[in-house]
Structure formats: structure tokens, C-alpha cells
Amino acid sequence: MNKLPERIRIKDIARLADVSVGTVDRVIHGRSGVSEASKKRVEEILKQLDYQPNMYASALASNKKYTFICLLPEHLEGEYWTAVETGIHEAIATYSDFNTSVKINYYDPYDYHSFENASEAILALQPDGVMVAPTAPQYTKGFTDQLQALDIPYIYIDSNIKDVPPLAFFGQNSRQSGYFAARMMMLLARDEKEIVIFRKIHEGIVGSNQQENREIGFRQYMKEHHPSCTILELDLHAERNDEDNEMLDEFFRTYPTVKNGITFNSKAYIVGEYLQSRGKKDFNLIGYDLLERNVTCLKEGSISFLIAQQPELQGANGIKALCDHLIFKKEVTCINYMPIDLLTVETIDYYHSK
């Protein structure tokens, strides 16, 4: 073999494989119009030379447009999913040179049919890639089966469904997070014999896989380490926020000695603000996510701990994974767990979520 220059060019590969430059280019970028014999010769030379194409330059030179659609739960401005959206838009801006665009669609997290309708609308558009916050596995699978049939890569954020593996998942290990939260709860509760789980629920639906899995992990820890501790439950209505305080009043009238509780959703402030309004300073509350109202409660003492999970980074990394896979042809790591960050009033001002 003749000596090759230090920087291997496509024309060098073409000469060694005895094919045209255009043939090499088509093989490298997976395009059609190449005979099997020529393709095999080029691939052998590429392997011998350990050739790594400059996908960045190739993508810049391409006129292809990439359209992504994200399917997220409906939410109000300032709630948890707002931070996820911020990360999504930041990532799209980063990759704007590559003709990327994103559309965000929504579903009602307490209505499985809403997810089905939203997913059907996405399938009709046939985007290049999808990022989805999954609902219940049986409804998510109907969507992802069709995405696979259309060869559309998809990313999970917030919760993972192992039976329906995505291109990549970004989020906490929900059960481990709940297990850890129980350990922290019992450091506060010590020898108390009762604790309470607060939920937001609508017609029996909690609204996210993440919350359900956190509770499974929480109960696993309690069963293993504090089996005699009674776990009480209070289900607040997801659609009737005006009844929260009345239901909390009734709960604490019925269980006046309960001093410790947790919520696995991002709205710990509902209980935190209630505790402030009633002057209850002897209650330890743990919650999730750095919503502004949660952080205010943490600083004012009505929430003891917040567990954070970097939602902006989840949104940004999900888009990055789609770009790496589709544009740069890179391998993508499938399972990407986010840190389980425990924050207190002393540490919150020094925490950076990205």
C-alpha cells in the first residue's frame, strides 16, 4: 500500500478502493446508489484506516432540516415542566446551524386518552425525532410501537419504561430517589410511629410514572428499616385546588400527632404554604423540585428538604441526544440518570441546577 498522507482524504480512500469519490461519499453517509461489491471494498478500506468522517462539517454542508416534537404534560408557567422547556429551547438554539426546529405538544397527565390523542397528532406529522414524558406504560407503548414502525427515534425524559426501551432516557432513578427520600424522612422523624404521604390525584390517577415509582422506593425502605411505622395517606384533588386547605384541616384534626410528611410531586408548596397559614412550625415536610414557591417555603422553614433533578439539563440533553444520533451519527448512551440532589435552606443559594 502506498504511503498515505497524515490527513486521510476521501480521494485517498477512493484510490485505494478503486472507486469514485462520489461512491465513497455515498458509503460514508449511508446513501443508496452503490453496488454491494463497491460498498464492501470501501468499508474494508475505511476499517483498515480507522477512518472517522467529519460529521460536523458534513452536517453543516447539508441542507437537510430536522424537526423534533416534544410531548409534555400540560402545566402552568413556572411549574416543573417550564424548566424542561427552557432546556429544550436552549439546546435547539445551540444546534440552530444544523437547521433544527422543535415543536412542543401537551397532554393532560390525568387523562390517558389525552395522551393518545396528542400522540396520534404527532405521528401524523412524522417528525425526525420525538422526546416524550411517558404516561402509563400501556398507553406509552402504543405510541412508541408506531414510532418504531416509522423508524422515528424517541427519547424519554422524567421517567423510563424499561419494557419499551428508547434511544435514550434522561431522569432520576425514581425508585432509588424514593428510597433515599425515606431515609432522609426518618432522620427527621426518628422514633415517630406515623408519617404521611401527600398526593395530588384525579379519579385514581397520580399523573406521572415518576411519582408512582418514588413511592414504591419509599415504601421499600420503610418496609426494610421501619416496618412498624404507619404510613398515612392524604389524596388532594388535582382539579380542585380550592379544597386543599379544608382537606388538610380535616386530616390534622383526625391525626393531630403526625409531625412528618412527604409529597412525591413538584407541588410541596401546597402543603408548605398551608403549614405557614396555620402556624404549624413542628411539622417536617420533604418535597421535590425547585419551583419558586417550593424554594420560598424551604427558606421560610415550612419545607425541610427539597430533592432536585435538574429538569433543564434533562430537556437539553434529550435534544442533544437526538442531534448526536440523527445529525452526527454518534452512538448515544441509553440510560442517563440525573443526580439525586438534596437541598436545605443552608445550601439552596449555592446550588446550580445545570
Protein backbone atom coordinates (compact mmCIF):
# COMPACT_ATOMS: atom_id res chain seq x y z
CA MET A 1 0.00 0.00 0.00
CA ASN A 2 1.35 3.43 -0.92
CA LYS A 3 2.17 5.77 1.91
CA LEU A 4 -0.84 7.86 2.89
CA PRO A 5 -0.82 11.49 3.97
CA GLU A 6 -1.35 12.12 7.71
CA ARG A 7 -4.79 13.54 6.99
CA ILE A 8 -6.76 10.93 5.08
CA ARG A 9 -9.00 12.41 2.40
CA ILE A 10 -11.96 10.89 0.61
CA LYS A 11 -9.97 10.83 -2.63
CA ASP A 12 -7.29 8.71 -0.89
CA ILE A 13 -9.93 6.19 0.12
CA ALA A 14 -11.37 6.21 -3.41
CA ARG A 15 -7.96 5.47 -4.90
CA LEU A 16 -7.33 2.57 -2.52
CA ALA A 17 -10.79 1.08 -3.12
CA ASP A 18 -10.61 1.72 -6.85
CA VAL A 19 -13.94 3.56 -6.88
CA SER A 20 -15.06 7.14 -7.49
CA VAL A 21 -15.02 9.87 -4.84
CA GLY A 22 -18.81 10.03 -5.13
CA THR A 23 -19.09 6.33 -4.26
CA VAL A 24 -17.00 6.80 -1.12
CA ASP A 25 -19.11 9.78 -0.09
CA ARG A 26 -22.33 7.76 -0.52
CA VAL A 27 -20.98 4.86 1.57
CA ILE A 28 -19.76 7.14 4.37
CA HIS A 29 -23.13 8.89 4.62
CA GLY A 30 -25.25 5.77 4.16
CA ARG A 31 -26.84 6.84 0.88
CA SER A 32 -28.09 4.48 -1.81
CA GLY A 33 -26.80 4.01 -5.35
CA VAL A 34 -23.73 1.87 -4.57
CA SER A 35 -23.21 -1.73 -5.68
CA GLU A 36 -22.61 -4.31 -2.94
CA ALA A 37 -19.11 -5.05 -4.27
CA SER A 38 -18.06 -1.39 -4.23
CA LYS A 39 -19.66 -0.85 -0.83
CA LYS A 40 -17.75 -3.81 0.61
CA ARG A 41 -14.40 -2.58 -0.79
CA VAL A 42 -14.91 0.91 0.60
CA GLU A 43 -15.98 -0.39 4.02
CA GLU A 44 -12.88 -2.62 4.20
CA ILE A 45 -10.61 0.34 3.45
CA LEU A 46 -12.44 2.53 5.99
CA LYS A 47 -11.98 -0.17 8.63
CA GLN A 48 -8.27 -0.66 7.80
CA LEU A 49 -7.64 3.08 8.08
CA ASP A 50 -9.90 3.52 11.13
CA TYR A 51 -11.40 6.43 9.23
CA GLN A 52 -13.66 8.80 11.19
CA PRO A 53 -15.64 11.13 8.91
CA ASN A 54 -16.07 14.77 9.92
CA MET A 55 -19.81 14.56 10.50
CA TYR A 56 -19.89 18.11 11.85
CA ALA A 57 -18.64 19.55 8.56
CA SER A 58 -20.88 17.21 6.57
CA ALA A 59 -23.93 18.26 8.57
CA LEU A 60 -23.15 21.95 8.12
CA ALA A 61 -22.86 21.42 4.37
CA SER A 62 -26.17 19.56 4.23
CA ASN A 63 -29.43 21.38 3.55
CA LYS A 64 -31.49 18.82 5.48
CA LYS A 65 -33.90 20.19 8.03
CA TYR A 66 -34.53 18.32 11.29
CA THR A 67 -37.90 18.68 13.00
CA PHE A 68 -38.34 17.43 16.58
CA ILE A 69 -41.56 17.23 18.57
CA CYS A 70 -41.68 17.04 22.37
CA LEU A 71 -44.73 15.70 24.19
CA LEU A 72 -45.00 17.04 27.74
CA PRO A 73 -47.71 17.25 30.41
CA GLU A 74 -49.83 20.41 30.43
CA HIS A 75 -48.62 22.88 33.04
CA LEU A 76 -48.74 26.48 34.15
CA GLU A 77 -45.88 28.92 33.68
CA GLY A 78 -43.35 28.49 36.49
CA GLU A 79 -44.22 24.86 37.21
CA TYR A 80 -41.73 21.99 36.86
CA TRP A 81 -42.09 21.49 33.10
CA THR A 82 -41.29 25.14 32.40
CA ALA A 83 -37.66 24.38 33.28
CA VAL A 84 -37.65 21.37 30.94
CA GLU A 85 -38.91 23.61 28.13
CA THR A 86 -36.14 26.13 28.85
CA GLY A 87 -33.54 23.37 28.38
CA ILE A 88 -35.19 22.25 25.14
CA HIS A 89 -35.12 25.74 23.63
CA GLU A 90 -31.52 26.32 24.75
CA ALA A 91 -30.42 23.11 23.01
CA ILE A 92 -32.27 23.99 19.81
CA ALA A 93 -30.53 27.37 19.80
CA THR A 94 -27.18 25.60 20.20
CA TYR A 95 -27.85 23.41 17.15
CA SER A 96 -29.53 26.10 15.04
CA ASP A 97 -26.71 25.96 12.45
CA PHE A 98 -27.94 22.48 11.55
CA ASN A 99 -31.49 23.52 10.59
CA THR A 100 -33.10 22.10 13.72
CA SER A 101 -36.51 23.14 14.96
CA VAL A 102 -38.77 21.96 17.76
CA LYS A 103 -42.50 21.95 18.47
CA ILE A 104 -43.86 21.22 21.94
CA ASN A 105 -47.21 19.44 22.25
CA TYR A 106 -49.06 18.78 25.50
CA TYR A 107 -51.33 16.20 27.13
CA ASP A 108 -53.42 16.16 30.29
CA PRO A 109 -51.41 13.98 32.74
CA TYR A 110 -54.64 12.88 34.45
CA ASP A 111 -56.30 11.72 31.20
CA TYR A 112 -54.79 8.79 29.30
CA HIS A 113 -56.97 9.49 26.25
CA SER A 114 -55.43 12.95 26.04
CA PHE A 115 -52.01 11.30 25.66
CA GLU A 116 -53.37 9.01 22.94
CA ASN A 117 -54.85 11.93 21.00
CA ALA A 118 -51.67 14.00 21.31
CA SER A 119 -49.50 11.09 20.19
CA GLU A 120 -51.69 10.45 17.14
CA ALA A 121 -51.31 14.11 16.12
CA ILE A 122 -47.52 13.75 16.35
CA LEU A 123 -47.49 10.55 14.27
CA ALA A 124 -49.45 12.33 11.55
CA LEU A 125 -46.66 14.91 11.28
CA GLN A 126 -43.89 12.25 11.07
CA PRO A 127 -41.10 14.33 12.68
CA ASP A 128 -37.43 13.32 12.55
CA GLY A 129 -37.26 12.69 16.28
CA VAL A 130 -39.51 12.73 19.36
CA MET A 131 -38.95 13.42 23.05
CA VAL A 132 -41.71 12.31 25.39
CA ALA A 133 -42.51 12.33 29.10
CA PRO A 134 -44.22 8.92 29.27
CA THR A 135 -47.64 8.29 30.73
CA ALA A 136 -48.74 4.82 31.91
CA PRO A 137 -46.72 2.08 30.12
CA GLN A 138 -49.67 0.53 28.28
CA TYR A 139 -50.56 3.88 26.68
CA THR A 140 -46.97 4.91 26.02
CA LYS A 141 -46.26 1.61 24.26
CA GLY A 142 -48.99 2.20 21.69
CA PHE A 143 -47.22 5.43 20.73
CA THR A 144 -43.67 4.10 20.73
CA ASP A 145 -44.61 0.98 18.74
CA GLN A 146 -45.80 3.25 15.94
CA LEU A 147 -42.69 5.45 16.22
CA GLN A 148 -40.54 2.33 15.82
CA ALA A 149 -42.57 1.22 12.80
CA LEU A 150 -41.90 4.62 11.22
CA ASP A 151 -38.20 4.45 12.21
CA ILE A 152 -38.53 7.66 14.25
CA PRO A 153 -36.09 7.73 17.20
CA TYR A 154 -37.55 8.76 20.56
CA ILE A 155 -36.21 9.96 23.91
CA TYR A 156 -37.79 9.54 27.34
CA ILE A 157 -37.44 12.23 29.97
CA ASP A 158 -38.57 12.24 33.60
CA SER A 159 -39.42 8.52 33.73
CA ASN A 160 -38.22 5.42 31.94
CA ILE A 161 -40.19 2.41 30.68
CA LYS A 162 -37.74 -0.47 30.57
CA ASP A 163 -40.07 -2.75 28.61
CA VAL A 164 -40.15 -0.20 25.78
CA PRO A 165 -36.52 0.96 25.54
CA PRO A 166 -35.94 4.37 23.91
CA LEU A 167 -32.91 5.74 22.08
CA ALA A 168 -32.08 7.40 25.42
CA PHE A 169 -33.60 8.20 28.81
CA PHE A 170 -32.81 11.23 30.96
CA GLY A 171 -34.16 11.40 34.50
CA GLN A 172 -33.70 10.18 38.05
CA ASN A 173 -33.73 6.59 39.15
CA SER A 174 -37.20 7.08 40.59
CA ARG A 175 -37.24 4.15 42.98
CA GLN A 176 -33.78 4.93 44.32
CA SER A 177 -34.86 8.53 44.78
CA GLY A 178 -37.88 7.44 46.81
CA TYR A 179 -35.75 5.02 48.83
CA PHE A 180 -33.32 7.85 49.62
CA ALA A 181 -36.18 10.21 50.49
CA ALA A 182 -37.48 7.69 53.05
CA ARG A 183 -34.07 7.51 54.67
CA MET A 184 -33.97 11.33 54.94
CA MET A 185 -37.55 11.37 56.24
CA MET A 186 -36.68 9.00 59.06
CA LEU A 187 -33.63 11.05 60.04
CA LEU A 188 -36.16 13.80 60.76
CA ALA A 189 -38.91 11.56 62.19
CA ARG A 190 -36.58 9.47 64.39
CA ASP A 191 -38.82 7.33 66.58
CA GLU A 192 -42.17 8.69 65.39
CA LYS A 193 -44.73 5.98 64.69
CA GLU A 194 -46.69 7.75 61.94
CA ILE A 195 -45.80 9.63 58.76
CA VAL A 196 -48.00 10.85 55.89
CA ILE A 197 -47.73 10.79 52.10
CA PHE A 198 -49.50 13.71 50.39
CA ARG A 199 -50.63 13.17 46.80
CA LYS A 200 -52.37 15.16 44.08
CA ILE A 201 -54.74 12.73 42.39
CA HIS A 202 -57.63 12.79 39.90
CA GLU A 203 -60.02 9.86 39.51
CA GLY A 204 -57.40 7.46 40.85
CA ILE A 205 -54.62 8.75 38.56
CA VAL A 206 -51.49 10.20 40.19
CA GLY A 207 -50.38 11.89 36.98
CA SER A 208 -46.85 10.57 36.48
CA ASN A 209 -44.88 7.32 36.49
CA GLN A 210 -42.11 9.14 38.34
CA GLN A 211 -44.30 9.78 41.38
CA GLU A 212 -45.58 6.21 41.50
CA ASN A 213 -42.06 4.79 41.33
CA ARG A 214 -40.77 7.16 44.00
CA GLU A 215 -43.49 5.95 46.32
CA ILE A 216 -42.58 2.31 45.59
CA GLY A 217 -38.96 3.03 46.55
CA PHE A 218 -40.07 4.96 49.64
CA ARG A 219 -42.25 2.13 50.86
CA GLN A 220 -39.50 -0.40 50.19
CA TYR A 221 -37.15 1.47 52.54
CA MET A 222 -39.84 1.78 55.19
CA LYS A 223 -40.66 -1.93 54.99
CA GLU A 224 -36.99 -2.87 55.32
CA HIS A 225 -35.98 -0.43 58.06
CA HIS A 226 -39.13 0.87 59.83
CA PRO A 227 -41.81 -1.80 59.40
CA SER A 228 -43.73 -0.68 62.48
CA CYS A 229 -44.12 2.92 61.29
CA THR A 230 -47.64 3.60 60.00
CA ILE A 231 -47.80 5.34 56.60
CA LEU A 232 -50.89 7.51 56.33
CA GLU A 233 -52.14 8.95 53.02
CA LEU A 234 -53.93 12.13 52.04
CA ASP A 235 -55.10 12.42 48.42
CA LEU A 236 -55.75 16.03 47.47
CA HIS A 237 -57.86 16.66 44.36
CA ALA A 238 -55.72 17.58 41.34
CA GLU A 239 -58.58 19.51 39.72
CA ARG A 240 -59.99 21.23 42.86
CA ASN A 241 -57.20 23.23 44.46
CA ASP A 242 -59.66 25.36 46.45
CA GLU A 243 -60.44 22.34 48.63
CA ASP A 244 -56.81 21.66 49.65
CA ASN A 245 -56.79 23.62 52.90
CA GLU A 246 -60.13 22.20 54.01
CA MET A 247 -58.89 18.65 53.39
CA LEU A 248 -55.62 19.36 55.21
CA ASP A 249 -57.53 20.83 58.18
CA GLU A 250 -59.64 17.68 58.37
CA PHE A 251 -56.55 15.46 58.15
CA PHE A 252 -54.75 17.21 61.00
CA ARG A 253 -57.91 17.19 63.13
CA THR A 254 -58.07 13.41 62.64
CA TYR A 255 -54.31 12.85 63.13
CA PRO A 256 -53.10 15.68 65.39
CA THR A 257 -49.88 13.90 66.40
CA VAL A 258 -48.46 13.40 62.88
CA LYS A 259 -45.30 15.53 62.52
CA ASN A 260 -43.66 14.25 59.33
CA GLY A 261 -44.75 14.02 55.71
CA ILE A 262 -43.63 13.88 52.08
CA THR A 263 -45.00 14.60 48.64
CA PHE A 264 -43.57 12.96 45.52
CA ASN A 265 -44.82 15.58 43.07
CA SER A 266 -43.40 19.06 42.48
CA LYS A 267 -46.11 20.89 44.46
CA ALA A 268 -44.84 20.57 48.01
CA TYR A 269 -45.62 24.30 48.36
CA ILE A 270 -49.33 23.42 48.65
CA VAL A 271 -48.66 21.77 52.00
CA GLY A 272 -45.82 24.17 52.87
CA GLU A 273 -47.99 27.27 52.42
CA TYR A 274 -50.80 25.59 54.35
CA LEU A 275 -48.44 24.91 57.28
CA GLN A 276 -47.41 28.58 57.27
CA SER A 277 -51.00 29.82 57.17
CA ARG A 278 -51.90 27.64 60.16
CA GLY A 279 -48.74 28.46 62.11
CA LYS A 280 -47.67 24.81 62.26
CA LYS A 281 -43.93 25.01 62.89
CA ASP A 282 -43.49 21.50 64.29
CA PHE A 283 -44.05 19.58 61.02
CA ASN A 284 -41.22 18.20 58.85
CA LEU A 285 -42.03 18.20 55.13
CA ILE A 286 -39.96 16.81 52.23
CA GLY A 287 -40.75 17.65 48.62
CA TYR A 288 -39.37 17.57 45.10
CA ASP A 289 -38.15 20.19 42.60
CA LEU A 290 -37.06 23.79 42.77
CA LEU A 291 -40.23 25.63 41.88
CA GLU A 292 -40.10 29.20 43.13
CA ARG A 293 -42.88 28.60 45.66
CA ASN A 294 -41.15 25.43 46.91
CA VAL A 295 -37.88 27.32 47.40
CA THR A 296 -39.71 30.10 49.26
CA CYS A 297 -41.21 27.53 51.63
CA LEU A 298 -37.78 25.95 52.11
CA LYS A 299 -36.26 29.32 53.04
CA GLU A 300 -39.15 30.17 55.36
CA GLY A 301 -38.93 26.81 57.13
CA SER A 302 -42.18 25.08 56.15
CA ILE A 303 -40.28 22.62 53.91
CA SER A 304 -37.30 20.83 55.48
CA PHE A 305 -35.68 19.30 52.36
CA LEU A 306 -36.15 19.55 48.61
CA ILE A 307 -34.88 16.88 46.22
CA ALA A 308 -33.87 18.30 42.84
CA GLN A 309 -33.35 16.54 39.50
CA GLN A 310 -32.05 19.17 37.03
CA PRO A 311 -35.04 19.46 34.65
CA GLU A 312 -33.34 21.99 32.33
CA LEU A 313 -30.49 19.57 31.77
CA GLN A 314 -32.94 16.74 31.04
CA GLY A 315 -34.59 18.83 28.32
CA ALA A 316 -31.29 20.00 26.82
CA ASN A 317 -29.66 16.56 26.89
CA GLY A 318 -32.69 14.96 25.26
CA ILE A 319 -32.40 17.29 22.25
CA LYS A 320 -28.62 16.82 22.20
CA ALA A 321 -29.09 13.03 22.04
CA LEU A 322 -31.42 13.34 19.04
CA CYS A 323 -28.89 15.62 17.28
CA ASP A 324 -25.98 13.30 18.06
CA HIS A 325 -27.91 10.33 16.68
CA LEU A 326 -29.50 11.88 13.62
CA ILE A 327 -27.06 14.58 12.54
CA PHE A 328 -23.65 13.42 13.75
CA LYS A 329 -24.30 9.66 13.61
CA LYS A 330 -22.85 9.20 17.08
CA GLU A 331 -23.66 6.39 19.47
CA VAL A 332 -25.93 7.55 22.27
CA THR A 333 -25.87 6.21 25.83
CA CYS A 334 -29.28 4.72 26.55
CA ILE A 335 -29.71 5.20 30.32
CA ASN A 336 -28.67 8.60 31.71
CA TYR A 337 -29.58 9.02 35.37
CA MET A 338 -29.67 12.51 36.82
CA PRO A 339 -28.20 13.21 40.27
CA ILE A 340 -30.41 12.96 43.35
CA ASP A 341 -29.65 16.35 44.91
CA LEU A 342 -30.78 17.03 48.49
CA LEU A 343 -31.15 20.74 49.25
CA THR A 344 -31.68 22.59 52.52
CA VAL A 345 -32.13 26.23 53.49
CA GLU A 346 -28.35 26.39 54.07
CA THR A 347 -27.39 25.08 50.62
CA ILE A 348 -30.11 26.30 48.25
CA ASP A 349 -28.44 29.63 47.36
CA TYR A 350 -25.27 27.85 46.25
CA TYR A 351 -26.92 25.25 44.07
CA HIS A 352 -26.74 25.46 40.31
CA SER A 353 -29.06 23.05 38.52
CA LYS A 354 -27.11 22.99 35.25
